[in-house]
């Protein structure tokens, strides 16, 4: 058995119970669970994740296009030099 003392206002995430507590506050179990789920990104809100996915996809596409363009130019230069 052990005891920890946290300063008031410190947040503590309980990964076993999936709750988030703030030291110094009375415990509201529903609010603690809700805050944990929000903090860990487990709310089911996939719109932000979808936006990040689309941005990554566009960046990968642009990178691929730039590499293909550079290869095309290199082949074209080699053919014109011959």
Protein backbone atom coordinates (compact mmCIF):
# COMPACT_ATOMS: atom_id res chain seq x y z
CA UNK A 1 0.00 0.00 0.00
CA UNK A 2 1.32 3.45 -0.82
CA UNK A 3 0.12 7.02 -0.92
CA UNK A 4 0.90 9.83 -3.35
CA UNK A 5 0.25 13.50 -2.77
CA UNK A 6 -0.44 15.67 -5.82
CA UNK A 7 -0.72 19.47 -5.79
CA UNK A 8 -4.25 20.83 -6.28
CA UNK A 9 -5.11 21.22 -9.94
CA UNK A 10 -2.89 18.33 -11.12
CA UNK A 11 -4.56 15.96 -13.55
CA UNK A 12 -4.15 12.21 -13.04
CA UNK A 13 -5.11 9.71 -15.76
CA UNK A 14 -6.25 6.30 -14.53
CA UNK A 15 -5.71 3.88 -17.42
CA UNK A 16 -7.20 0.94 -15.51
CA UNK A 17 -10.53 2.59 -14.72
CA UNK A 18 -10.33 4.84 -17.80
CA UNK A 19 -10.97 7.99 -15.79
CA UNK A 20 -9.25 11.36 -15.44
CA UNK A 21 -9.15 13.04 -12.06
CA UNK A 22 -8.09 16.48 -10.95
CA UNK A 23 -6.40 16.62 -7.56
CA UNK A 24 -8.33 18.69 -5.06
CA UNK A 25 -11.75 18.19 -6.69
CA UNK A 26 -14.60 15.98 -5.56
CA UNK A 27 -14.85 12.93 -7.81
CA UNK A 28 -17.68 12.85 -10.34
CA UNK A 29 -17.27 9.43 -11.99
CA UNK A 30 -19.15 10.33 -15.17
CA UNK A 31 -17.14 13.52 -15.64
CA UNK A 32 -13.87 11.71 -14.86
CA UNK A 33 -14.66 9.07 -17.50
CA UNK A 34 -15.70 11.70 -20.05
CA UNK A 35 -12.53 13.73 -19.52
CA UNK A 36 -10.36 10.62 -19.87
CA UNK A 37 -12.08 9.59 -23.10
CA UNK A 38 -11.73 13.10 -24.54
CA UNK A 39 -8.08 13.42 -23.50
CA UNK A 40 -7.17 10.04 -25.00
CA UNK A 41 -9.07 10.64 -28.25
CA UNK A 42 -11.59 7.87 -27.60
CA UNK A 43 -14.75 9.93 -28.10
CA UNK A 44 -15.58 8.51 -31.51
CA UNK A 45 -15.11 11.88 -33.19
CA UNK A 46 -13.43 10.72 -36.38
CA UNK A 47 -13.73 13.98 -38.32
CA UNK A 48 -10.40 15.27 -37.00
CA UNK A 49 -8.74 11.95 -37.79
CA UNK A 50 -10.23 12.00 -41.28
CA UNK A 51 -8.87 15.50 -41.87
CA UNK A 52 -5.38 14.41 -40.83
CA UNK A 53 -5.68 11.37 -43.11
CA UNK A 54 -6.66 13.52 -46.08
CA UNK A 55 -3.82 15.97 -45.45
CA UNK A 56 -1.30 13.12 -45.23
CA UNK A 57 -2.70 11.55 -48.39
CA UNK A 58 -2.39 14.83 -50.29
CA UNK A 59 1.18 15.35 -49.06
CA UNK A 60 2.16 11.81 -50.06
CA UNK A 61 0.59 12.37 -53.48
CA UNK A 62 2.45 15.63 -53.98
CA UNK A 63 5.73 14.03 -52.89
CA UNK A 64 5.21 11.14 -55.30
CA UNK A 65 4.38 13.53 -58.12
CA UNK A 66 7.54 15.55 -57.45
CA UNK A 67 9.71 12.42 -57.48
CA UNK A 68 8.12 11.17 -60.71
CA UNK A 69 8.59 14.59 -62.33
CA UNK A 70 12.28 14.66 -61.31
CA UNK A 71 12.78 11.17 -62.75
CA UNK A 72 11.02 12.13 -65.97
CA UNK A 73 13.24 15.22 -66.34
CA UNK A 74 16.37 13.17 -65.70
CA UNK A 75 15.41 10.62 -68.38
CA UNK A 76 14.53 13.42 -70.80
CA UNK A 77 17.87 15.17 -70.22
CA UNK A 78 19.77 11.93 -70.70
CA UNK A 79 18.01 11.25 -74.01
CA UNK A 80 18.62 14.79 -75.28
CA UNK A 81 22.33 14.59 -74.34
CA UNK A 82 22.84 11.45 -76.47
